[in-house]
C-alpha atoms as a PDB file:
ATOM      1  CA  UNK A   1     -54.233-190.499  -4.488  1.00  0.00           C
ATOM      2  CA  UNK A   2     -51.657-192.030  -7.090  1.00  0.00           C
ATOM      3  CA  UNK A   3     -50.327-188.569  -8.237  1.00  0.00           C
ATOM      4  CA  UNK A   4     -46.966-187.249  -7.456  1.00  0.00           C
ATOM      5  CA  UNK A   5     -46.774-185.016  -4.382  1.00  0.00           C
ATOM      6  CA  UNK A   6     -43.650-183.224  -3.177  1.00  0.00           C
ATOM      7  CA  UNK A   7     -41.701-185.258  -0.266  1.00  0.00           C
ATOM      8  CA  UNK A   8     -41.575-181.764   1.717  1.00  0.00           C
ATOM      9  CA  UNK A   9     -44.981-180.650   3.352  1.00  0.00           C
ATOM     10  CA  UNK A  10     -46.068-177.854   0.952  1.00  0.00           C
ATOM     11  CA  UNK A  11     -47.330-175.228   3.215  1.00  0.00           C
ATOM     12  CA  UNK A  12     -43.826-174.798   4.720  1.00  0.00           C
ATOM     13  CA  UNK A  13     -41.939-174.580   1.476  1.00  0.00           C
ATOM     14  CA  UNK A  14     -40.766-170.877   0.284  1.00  0.00           C
ATOM     15  CA  UNK A  15     -40.337-170.500  -3.385  1.00  0.00           C
ATOM     16  CA  UNK A  16     -38.982-167.641  -5.490  1.00  0.00           C
ATOM     17  CA  UNK A  17     -41.007-166.905  -8.607  1.00  0.00           C
ATOM     18  CA  UNK A  18     -38.502-165.307 -11.361  1.00  0.00           C
ATOM     19  CA  UNK A  19     -40.239-164.361 -14.579  1.00  0.00           C
ATOM     20  CA  UNK A  20     -38.527-163.601 -17.608  1.00  0.00           C
ATOM     21  CA  UNK A  21     -41.153-160.901 -18.928  1.00  0.00           C
ATOM     22  CA  UNK A  22     -39.271-160.441 -22.440  1.00  0.00           C
ATOM     23  CA  UNK A  23     -40.137-164.603 -22.874  1.00  0.00           C
ATOM     24  CA  UNK A  24     -43.277-165.258 -21.312  1.00  0.00           C
ATOM     25  CA  UNK A  25     -46.776-164.087 -21.793  1.00  0.00           C
ATOM     26  CA  UNK A  26     -48.591-162.170 -18.967  1.00  0.00           C
ATOM     27  CA  UNK A  27     -51.612-164.448 -20.012  1.00  0.00           C
ATOM     28  CA  UNK A  28     -49.951-167.302 -18.312  1.00  0.00           C
ATOM     29  CA  UNK A  29     -49.270-165.838 -15.126  1.00  0.00           C
ATOM     30  CA  UNK A  30     -52.195-167.166 -13.441  1.00  0.00           C
ATOM     31  CA  UNK A  31     -51.512-170.563 -14.146  1.00  0.00           C
ATOM     32  CA  UNK A  32     -47.818-170.426 -13.115  1.00  0.00           C
ATOM     33  CA  UNK A  33     -49.032-169.013  -9.624  1.00  0.00           C
ATOM     34  CA  UNK A  34     -51.593-171.770  -9.377  1.00  0.00           C
ATOM     35  CA  UNK A  35     -49.341-174.484 -10.331  1.00  0.00           C
ATOM     36  CA  UNK A  36     -46.791-173.067  -8.095  1.00  0.00           C
ATOM     37  CA  UNK A  37     -49.286-173.319  -5.069  1.00  0.00           C
ATOM     38  CA  UNK A  38     -48.731-177.408  -5.346  1.00  0.00           C
ATOM     39  CA  UNK A  39     -45.275-176.978  -4.352  1.00  0.00           C
ATOM     40  CA  UNK A  40     -45.410-174.313  -1.837  1.00  0.00           C
ATOM     41  CA  UNK A  41     -45.871-170.300  -1.568  1.00  0.00           C
ATOM     42  CA  UNK A  42     -44.068-168.066  -3.790  1.00  0.00           C
ATOM     43  CA  UNK A  43     -43.048-165.415  -1.198  1.00  0.00           C
ATOM     44  CA  UNK A  44     -40.952-163.645  -3.771  1.00  0.00           C
ATOM     45  CA  UNK A  45     -42.368-162.709  -6.833  1.00  0.00           C
ATOM     46  CA  UNK A  46     -40.204-160.614  -9.353  1.00  0.00           C
ATOM     47  CA  UNK A  47     -40.521-160.311 -13.253  1.00  0.00           C
ATOM     48  CA  UNK A  48     -37.776-158.560 -15.484  1.00  0.00           C
ATOM     49  CA  UNK A  49     -38.018-156.624 -18.314  1.00  0.00           C
ATOM     50  CA  UNK A  50     -37.673-153.078 -19.807  1.00  0.00           C
ATOM     51  CA  UNK A  51     -41.198-151.839 -18.611  1.00  0.00           C
ATOM     52  CA  UNK A  52     -41.139-148.689 -20.833  1.00  0.00           C
ATOM     53  CA  UNK A  53     -41.311-150.989 -23.846  1.00  0.00           C
ATOM     54  CA  UNK A  54     -44.654-151.431 -25.534  1.00  0.00           C
ATOM     55  CA  UNK A  55     -44.044-154.936 -26.012  1.00  0.00           C
ATOM     56  CA  UNK A  56     -44.976-155.166 -21.868  1.00  0.00           C
ATOM     57  CA  UNK A  57     -47.949-153.032 -21.770  1.00  0.00           C
ATOM     58  CA  UNK A  58     -50.095-156.208 -20.963  1.00  0.00           C
ATOM     59  CA  UNK A  59     -47.911-157.121 -18.053  1.00  0.00           C
ATOM     60  CA  UNK A  60     -48.865-154.144 -15.878  1.00  0.00           C
ATOM     61  CA  UNK A  61     -52.142-155.069 -14.749  1.00  0.00           C
ATOM     62  CA  UNK A  62     -50.890-158.491 -14.125  1.00  0.00           C
ATOM     63  CA  UNK A  63     -48.362-157.238 -11.853  1.00  0.00           C
ATOM     64  CA  UNK A  64     -50.852-155.622  -9.550  1.00  0.00           C
ATOM     65  CA  UNK A  65     -53.127-158.612  -9.524  1.00  0.00           C
ATOM     66  CA  UNK A  66     -50.575-161.301  -8.491  1.00  0.00           C
ATOM     67  CA  UNK A  67     -48.421-159.104  -6.269  1.00  0.00           C
ATOM     68  CA  UNK A  68     -45.434-159.174  -8.554  1.00  0.00           C
ATOM     69  CA  UNK A  69     -42.424-156.828  -8.294  1.00  0.00           C
ATOM     70  CA  UNK A  70     -41.422-155.488 -11.595  1.00  0.00           C
ATOM     71  CA  UNK A  71     -37.646-155.108 -12.008  1.00  0.00           C
ATOM     72  CA  UNK A  72     -36.537-152.515 -14.314  1.00  0.00           C
ATOM     73  CA  UNK A  73     -33.740-153.446 -16.762  1.00  0.00           C
ATOM     74  CA  UNK A  74     -32.948-151.184 -19.697  1.00  0.00           C
ATOM     75  CA  UNK A  75     -31.724-152.637 -22.992  1.00  0.00           C
ATOM     76  CA  UNK A  76     -28.070-150.869 -23.167  1.00  0.00           C
ATOM     77  CA  UNK A  77     -27.280-152.231 -26.614  1.00  0.00           C
ATOM     78  CA  UNK A  78     -29.111-154.072 -29.455  1.00  0.00           C
ATOM     79  CA  UNK A  79     -28.972-157.845 -29.018  1.00  0.00           C
ATOM     80  CA  UNK A  80     -27.553-158.014 -25.611  1.00  0.00           C
ATOM     81  CA  UNK A  81     -29.155-160.007 -22.783  1.00  0.00           C
ATOM     82  CA  UNK A  82     -29.304-157.458 -20.165  1.00  0.00           C
ATOM     83  CA  UNK A  83     -32.740-158.859 -18.498  1.00  0.00           C
ATOM     84  CA  UNK A  84     -31.354-162.392 -18.188  1.00  0.00           C
ATOM     85  CA  UNK A  85     -28.210-161.146 -16.548  1.00  0.00           C
ATOM     86  CA  UNK A  86     -30.376-159.118 -13.749  1.00  0.00           C
ATOM     87  CA  UNK A  87     -32.471-162.446 -13.279  1.00  0.00           C
ATOM     88  CA  UNK A  88     -29.283-164.317 -12.771  1.00  0.00           C
ATOM     89  CA  UNK A  89     -27.756-161.912 -10.525  1.00  0.00           C
ATOM     90  CA  UNK A  90     -30.992-161.645  -8.124  1.00  0.00           C
ATOM     91  CA  UNK A  91     -31.235-165.366  -7.986  1.00  0.00           C
ATOM     92  CA  UNK A  92     -27.792-165.890  -6.668  1.00  0.00           C
ATOM     93  CA  UNK A  93     -28.337-162.883  -4.122  1.00  0.00           C
ATOM     94  CA  UNK A  94     -31.523-164.820  -3.082  1.00  0.00           C
ATOM     95  CA  UNK A  95     -29.710-168.028  -2.656  1.00  0.00           C
ATOM     96  CA  UNK A  96     -27.260-166.735  -0.222  1.00  0.00           C
ATOM     97  CA  UNK A  97     -29.593-164.266   1.521  1.00  0.00           C
ATOM     98  CA  UNK A  98     -32.963-165.831   1.862  1.00  0.00           C
ATOM     99  CA  UNK A  99     -34.011-169.299   3.203  1.00  0.00           C
ATOM    100  CA  UNK A 100     -35.673-170.578   0.209  1.00  0.00           C
ATOM    101  CA  UNK A 101     -36.744-174.282  -0.390  1.00  0.00           C
ATOM    102  CA  UNK A 102     -37.033-173.665  -4.226  1.00  0.00           C
ATOM    103  CA  UNK A 103     -36.744-171.720  -7.195  1.00  0.00           C
ATOM    104  CA  UNK A 104     -39.193-171.084 -10.142  1.00  0.00           C
ATOM    105  CA  UNK A 105     -37.902-169.725 -13.431  1.00  0.00           C
ATOM    106  CA  UNK A 106     -40.421-168.853 -15.989  1.00  0.00           C
ATOM    107  CA  UNK A 107     -38.490-168.503 -19.400  1.00  0.00           C
ATOM    108  CA  UNK A 108     -37.721-170.650 -22.657  1.00  0.00           C
ATOM    109  CA  UNK A 109     -34.236-169.428 -22.674  1.00  0.00           C
ATOM    110  CA  UNK A 110     -31.530-171.820 -22.777  1.00  0.00           C
ATOM    111  CA  UNK A 111     -29.335-169.494 -21.113  1.00  0.00           C
ATOM    112  CA  UNK A 112     -30.624-170.067 -17.666  1.00  0.00           C
ATOM    113  CA  UNK A 113     -29.462-173.609 -17.618  1.00  0.00           C
ATOM    114  CA  UNK A 114     -26.151-172.943 -15.676  1.00  0.00           C
ATOM    115  CA  UNK A 115     -28.039-171.070 -13.122  1.00  0.00           C
ATOM    116  CA  UNK A 116     -30.445-174.167 -12.769  1.00  0.00           C
ATOM    117  CA  UNK A 117     -27.734-176.314 -12.289  1.00  0.00           C
ATOM    118  CA  UNK A 118     -25.903-174.118  -9.595  1.00  0.00           C
ATOM    119  CA  UNK A 119     -29.275-173.785  -7.666  1.00  0.00           C
ATOM    120  CA  UNK A 120     -30.160-177.554  -7.836  1.00  0.00           C
ATOM    121  CA  UNK A 121     -26.251-178.072  -6.621  1.00  0.00           C
ATOM    122  CA  UNK A 122     -26.985-175.957  -3.365  1.00  0.00           C
ATOM    123  CA  UNK A 123     -30.099-178.319  -2.592  1.00  0.00           C
ATOM    124  CA  UNK A 124     -32.921-176.242  -4.090  1.00  0.00           C
ATOM    125  CA  UNK A 125     -35.571-177.794  -6.202  1.00  0.00           C
ATOM    126  CA  UNK A 126     -36.071-175.386  -9.528  1.00  0.00           C
ATOM    127  CA  UNK A 127     -39.509-175.500 -11.526  1.00  0.00           C
ATOM    128  CA  UNK A 128     -39.342-174.476 -15.060  1.00  0.00           C
ATOM    129  CA  UNK A 129     -42.177-173.101 -17.420  1.00  0.00           C
ATOM    130  CA  UNK A 130     -41.607-172.178 -20.926  1.00  0.00           C
ATOM    131  CA  UNK A 131     -42.685-172.928 -24.621  1.00  0.00           C
ATOM    132  CA  UNK A 132     -42.291-176.074 -26.400  1.00  0.00           C
ATOM    133  CA  UNK A 133     -39.511-174.647 -28.315  1.00  0.00           C
ATOM    134  CA  UNK A 134     -37.545-174.485 -24.926  1.00  0.00           C
ATOM    135  CA  UNK A 135     -34.003-176.336 -25.686  1.00  0.00           C
ATOM    136  CA  UNK A 136     -33.121-179.792 -23.849  1.00  0.00           C
ATOM    137  CA  UNK A 137     -30.451-178.368 -21.623  1.00  0.00           C
ATOM    138  CA  UNK A 138     -32.857-175.831 -19.684  1.00  0.00           C
ATOM    139  CA  UNK A 139     -35.732-178.389 -19.597  1.00  0.00           C
ATOM    140  CA  UNK A 140     -33.695-181.357 -18.486  1.00  0.00           C
ATOM    141  CA  UNK A 141     -31.693-179.370 -15.946  1.00  0.00           C
ATOM    142  CA  UNK A 142     -34.981-178.558 -13.972  1.00  0.00           C
ATOM    143  CA  UNK A 143     -36.483-180.574 -11.338  1.00  0.00           C
ATOM    144  CA  UNK A 144     -39.839-180.036 -12.959  1.00  0.00           C
ATOM    145  CA  UNK A 145     -40.669-178.324 -16.339  1.00  0.00           C
ATOM    146  CA  UNK A 146     -44.027-177.887 -17.355  1.00  0.00           C
ATOM    147  CA  UNK A 147     -44.906-176.438 -20.981  1.00  0.00           C
ATOM    148  CA  UNK A 148     -47.350-173.447 -20.937  1.00  0.00           C
ATOM    149  CA  UNK A 149     -49.630-174.762 -23.160  1.00  0.00           C
ATOM    150  CA  UNK A 150     -50.159-177.483 -21.134  1.00  0.00           C
ATOM    151  CA  UNK A 151     -51.732-175.254 -18.207  1.00  0.00           C
ATOM    152  CA  UNK A 152     -55.188-173.672 -18.266  1.00  0.00           C
ATOM    153  CA  UNK A 153     -54.990-170.167 -17.296  1.00  0.00           C
ATOM    154  CA  UNK A 154     -56.821-169.579 -14.231  1.00  0.00           C
ATOM    155  CA  UNK A 155     -57.445-165.850 -14.360  1.00  0.00           C
ATOM    156  CA  UNK A 156     -58.799-166.006 -17.922  1.00  0.00           C
ATOM    157  CA  UNK A 157     -60.937-168.893 -17.323  1.00  0.00           C
ATOM    158  CA  UNK A 158     -62.314-166.785 -14.186  1.00  0.00           C
ATOM    159  CA  UNK A 159     -63.161-164.000 -16.581  1.00  0.00           C
ATOM    160  CA  UNK A 160     -64.412-166.255 -19.230  1.00  0.00           C
ATOM    161  CA  UNK A 161     -61.747-165.077 -21.828  1.00  0.00           C
ATOM    162  CA  UNK A 162     -58.899-166.957 -23.600  1.00  0.00           C
ATOM    163  CA  UNK A 163     -55.318-166.670 -22.368  1.00  0.00           C
ATOM    164  CA  UNK A 164     -53.238-164.239 -24.392  1.00  0.00           C
ATOM    165  CA  UNK A 165     -50.868-165.489 -26.911  1.00  0.00           C
ATOM    166  CA  UNK A 166     -47.558-166.182 -26.159  1.00  0.00           C
ATOM    167  CA  UNK A 167     -45.430-163.260 -26.847  1.00  0.00           C
ATOM    168  CA  UNK A 168     -42.521-163.438 -29.637  1.00  0.00           C
ATOM    169  CA  UNK A 169     -39.121-164.130 -27.948  1.00  0.00           C
ATOM    170  CA  UNK A 170     -36.878-161.442 -27.330  1.00  0.00           C
ATOM    171  CA  UNK A 171     -34.271-160.788 -30.231  1.00  0.00           C
ATOM    172  CA  UNK A 172     -30.627-161.685 -29.548  1.00  0.00           C
ATOM    173  CA  UNK A 173     -27.543-161.577 -31.210  1.00  0.00           C
ATOM    174  CA  UNK A 174     -27.549-163.248 -34.596  1.00  0.00           C
ATOM    175  CA  UNK A 175     -25.012-165.872 -33.888  1.00  0.00           C
ATOM    176  CA  UNK A 176     -26.480-166.787 -30.663  1.00  0.00           C
ATOM    177  CA  UNK A 177     -29.957-166.922 -32.083  1.00  0.00           C
ATOM    178  CA  UNK A 178     -28.389-169.440 -34.852  1.00  0.00           C
ATOM    179  CA  UNK A 179     -27.103-171.442 -32.032  1.00  0.00           C
ATOM    180  CA  UNK A 180     -30.341-171.936 -30.429  1.00  0.00           C
ATOM    181  CA  UNK A 181     -32.127-172.537 -33.477  1.00  0.00           C
ATOM    182  CA  UNK A 182     -30.169-175.838 -33.666  1.00  0.00           C
ATOM    183  CA  UNK A 183     -31.249-176.937 -30.396  1.00  0.00           C
ATOM    184  CA  UNK A 184     -33.774-179.786 -30.224  1.00  0.00           C
ATOM    185  CA  UNK A 185     -36.950-179.458 -28.690  1.00  0.00           C
ATOM    186  CA  UNK A 186     -36.939-181.030 -25.396  1.00  0.00           C
ATOM    187  CA  UNK A 187     -37.101-185.044 -25.307  1.00  0.00           C
ATOM    188  CA  UNK A 188     -40.118-184.430 -22.971  1.00  0.00           C
ATOM    189  CA  UNK A 189     -42.126-183.133 -25.667  1.00  0.00           C
ATOM    190  CA  UNK A 190     -44.398-185.466 -26.990  1.00  0.00           C
ATOM    191  CA  UNK A 191     -44.368-186.112 -30.700  1.00  0.00           C
ATOM    192  CA  UNK A 192     -47.951-186.214 -31.774  1.00  0.00           C
ATOM    193  CA  UNK A 193     -47.328-188.476 -35.025  1.00  0.00           C
ATOM    194  CA  UNK A 194     -45.869-191.316 -33.102  1.00  0.00           C
ATOM    195  CA  UNK A 195     -47.331-193.265 -29.852  1.00  0.00           C
ATOM    196  CA  UNK A 196     -46.010-193.119 -26.524  1.00  0.00           C
ATOM    197  CA  UNK A 197     -44.818-196.429 -26.797  1.00  0.00           C
ATOM    198  CA  UNK A 198     -42.123-195.530 -29.213  1.00  0.00           C
ATOM    199  CA  UNK A 199     -41.004-192.563 -27.323  1.00  0.00           C
ATOM    200  CA  UNK A 200     -37.618-194.259 -26.343  1.00  0.00           C
ATOM    201  CA  UNK A 201     -36.540-191.807 -23.910  1.00  0.00           C
ATOM    202  CA  UNK A 202     -40.122-191.749 -22.125  1.00  0.00           C
ATOM    203  CA  UNK A 203     -40.570-195.713 -22.199  1.00  0.00           C
ATOM    204  CA  UNK A 204     -36.947-196.026 -20.607  1.00  0.00           C
ATOM    205  CA  UNK A 205     -37.681-193.752 -17.835  1.00  0.00           C
ATOM    206  CA  UNK A 206     -41.289-195.167 -17.278  1.00  0.00           C
ATOM    207  CA  UNK A 207     -39.886-198.821 -16.884  1.00  0.00           C
ATOM    208  CA  UNK A 208     -36.854-197.551 -15.091  1.00  0.00           C
ATOM    209  CA  UNK A 209     -39.110-196.123 -12.137  1.00  0.00           C
ATOM    210  CA  UNK A 210     -41.374-199.193 -12.175  1.00  0.00           C
ATOM    211  CA  UNK A 211     -38.320-201.494 -11.673  1.00  0.00           C
ATOM    212  CA  UNK A 212     -37.137-199.258  -9.094  1.00  0.00           C
ATOM    213  CA  UNK A 213     -39.949-199.181  -6.952  1.00  0.00           C
ATOM    214  CA  UNK A 214     -41.192-202.931  -7.832  1.00  0.00           C
ATOM    215  CA  UNK A 215     -41.367-205.532  -4.890  1.00  0.00           C
ATOM    216  CA  UNK A 216     -40.491-208.913  -4.721  1.00  0.00           C
ATOM    217  CA  UNK A 217     -43.661-209.841  -6.452  1.00  0.00           C
ATOM    218  CA  UNK A 218     -42.783-207.661  -9.317  1.00  0.00           C
ATOM    219  CA  UNK A 219     -45.544-205.179  -8.804  1.00  0.00           C
ATOM    220  CA  UNK A 220     -44.946-201.555  -7.595  1.00  0.00           C
ATOM    221  CA  UNK A 221     -47.312-199.048  -5.905  1.00  0.00           C
ATOM    222  CA  UNK A 222     -48.453-196.656  -8.605  1.00  0.00           C
ATOM    223  CA  UNK A 223     -47.633-193.603  -6.416  1.00  0.00           C
ATOM    224  CA  UNK A 224     -44.190-195.101  -5.876  1.00  0.00           C
ATOM    225  CA  UNK A 225     -43.427-195.709  -9.678  1.00  0.00           C
ATOM    226  CA  UNK A 226     -44.862-192.039 -10.212  1.00  0.00           C
ATOM    227  CA  UNK A 227     -42.390-190.743  -7.729  1.00  0.00           C
ATOM    228  CA  UNK A 228     -39.515-192.430  -9.262  1.00  0.00           C
ATOM    229  CA  UNK A 229     -40.475-191.225 -12.308  1.00  0.00           C
ATOM    230  CA  UNK A 230     -40.150-187.741 -11.320  1.00  0.00           C
ATOM    231  CA  UNK A 231     -36.600-188.392  -9.602  1.00  0.00           C
ATOM    232  CA  UNK A 232     -35.263-189.770 -12.876  1.00  0.00           C
ATOM    233  CA  UNK A 233     -36.307-186.880 -15.441  1.00  0.00           C
ATOM    234  CA  UNK A 234     -38.501-183.736 -15.120  1.00  0.00           C
ATOM    235  CA  UNK A 235     -41.494-185.368 -16.479  1.00  0.00           C
ATOM    236  CA  UNK A 236     -45.041-183.824 -16.519  1.00  0.00           C
ATOM    237  CA  UNK A 237     -47.886-185.890 -17.777  1.00  0.00           C
ATOM    238  CA  UNK A 238     -49.671-182.913 -19.030  1.00  0.00           C
ATOM    239  CA  UNK A 239     -46.906-182.571 -21.408  1.00  0.00           C
ATOM    240  CA  UNK A 240     -48.275-185.709 -22.957  1.00  0.00           C
ATOM    241  CA  UNK A 241     -52.092-184.759 -22.877  1.00  0.00           C
ATOM    242  CA  UNK A 242     -52.624-186.882 -19.645  1.00  0.00           C
ATOM    243  CA  UNK A 243     -53.816-185.436 -16.120  1.00  0.00           C
ATOM    244  CA  UNK A 244     -51.449-187.687 -13.964  1.00  0.00           C
ATOM    245  CA  UNK A 245     -48.949-190.527 -13.940  1.00  0.00           C
ATOM    246  CA  UNK A 246     -51.399-193.377 -13.594  1.00  0.00           C
ATOM    247  CA  UNK A 247     -52.772-192.281 -17.088  1.00  0.00           C
ATOM    248  CA  UNK A 248     -49.581-191.807 -18.795  1.00  0.00           C
ATOM    249  CA  UNK A 249     -48.467-195.455 -17.600  1.00  0.00           C
ATOM    250  CA  UNK A 250     -51.872-196.654 -18.952  1.00  0.00           C
ATOM    251  CA  UNK A 251     -51.311-194.782 -22.476  1.00  0.00           C
ATOM    252  CA  UNK A 252     -48.213-196.287 -23.442  1.00  0.00           C
ATOM    253  CA  UNK A 253     -49.821-199.960 -23.180  1.00  0.00           C
ATOM    254  CA  UNK A 254     -46.747-201.379 -21.943  1.00  0.00           C
ATOM    255  CA  UNK A 255     -47.907-201.926 -18.259  1.00  0.00           C
ATOM    256  CA  UNK A 256     -50.402-204.151 -16.376  1.00  0.00           C
ATOM    257  CA  UNK A 257     -52.111-202.041 -13.985  1.00  0.00           C
ATOM    258  CA  UNK A 258     -54.737-203.517 -11.169  1.00  0.00           C
ATOM    259  CA  UNK A 259     -56.662-201.432  -8.542  1.00  0.00           C
ATOM    260  CA  UNK A 260     -57.179-203.421  -5.316  1.00  0.00           C
ATOM    261  CA  UNK A 261     -59.660-203.200  -2.434  1.00  0.00           C
ATOM    262  CA  UNK A 262     -59.044-199.869  -0.612  1.00  0.00           C
ATOM    263  CA  UNK A 263     -58.464-197.995  -3.780  1.00  0.00           C
ATOM    264  CA  UNK A 264     -54.853-198.353  -4.158  1.00  0.00           C
ATOM    265  CA  UNK A 265     -53.329-198.971  -7.546  1.00  0.00           C
ATOM    266  CA  UNK A 266     -50.451-201.417  -8.445  1.00  0.00           C
ATOM    267  CA  UNK A 267     -48.330-201.541 -11.821  1.00  0.00           C
ATOM    268  CA  UNK A 268     -46.410-204.161 -13.457  1.00  0.00           C
ATOM    269  CA  UNK A 269     -44.024-204.214 -16.522  1.00  0.00           C
ATOM    270  CA  UNK A 270     -45.622-206.531 -18.961  1.00  0.00           C
ATOM    271  CA  UNK A 271     -42.213-207.769 -19.911  1.00  0.00           C
ATOM    272  CA  UNK A 272     -41.629-209.071 -16.459  1.00  0.00           C
ATOM    273  CA  UNK A 273     -42.563-212.841 -16.908  1.00  0.00           C
ATOM    274  CA  UNK A 274     -41.616-213.587 -13.339  1.00  0.00           C
ATOM    275  CA  UNK A 275     -44.213-211.391 -11.394  1.00  0.00           C
ATOM    276  CA  UNK A 276     -47.128-212.766  -9.710  1.00  0.00           C
ATOM    277  CA  UNK A 277     -50.262-212.617 -11.448  1.00  0.00           C
ATOM    278  CA  UNK A 278     -51.936-210.450  -8.977  1.00  0.00           C
ATOM    279  CA  UNK A 279     -50.272-208.079  -6.381  1.00  0.00           C
ATOM    280  CA  UNK A 280     -49.461-209.398  -2.894  1.00  0.00           C
ATOM    281  CA  UNK A 281     -51.598-207.997  -0.174  1.00  0.00           C
ATOM    282  CA  UNK A 282     -49.638-207.090   3.116  1.00  0.00           C
END
């Protein structure tokens, strides 16, 4: 397969799933849990919010369905971010008391950026899920970040129903909201009016990954190039409307791709005039 896979065996990896319920729709939880199963097992599942609030009513059935522990957090004063603080406190406690391999933060809130950086500094992968409006710092801090509209809701699909719409973001202090409004949408967000070949940041990452994985003949295994791209930036091909890295490389039109006998694919940068005409077989 030419798709990215975690380096550590999946079944043995323990993940803590921490959900900012004020900021994520209950209609996405099935997709999030299904996606996390590719990276390990979400042994710890917690959702944070004021569960007496009518805005979280739709979450209650999902808590039981997906074995998620609700963490009650009252709003002590208007505009204050008590829910986020509770999530951060729990994350740090779990970091030092549990033997975890990774964390998942489900939120579109940029305030979790320092938490993500601290978790990664302690050797943990951090998987992020949020809306397209999620600011750059949070997205780029994560090991992998996936936009929720790039996921199909597994539970809704099973019932033949549409996923619930994304809930409105929580209200915060005016000054804080104004700062966030100025934040750019992540550079990982595809620009629909511009071809991928003109997405400078994406092209830089993809070309860099091919160069890093290239052999002496100028060709790289597609799987190696995809893994190198993942190490450079939190890119998920589904955020660009394609299924995997081979399709993403091909969609840019900047690379030559050859599939050899045995099913393996090789990739080379079209700008590399020194590459051999075909990948050498070893």
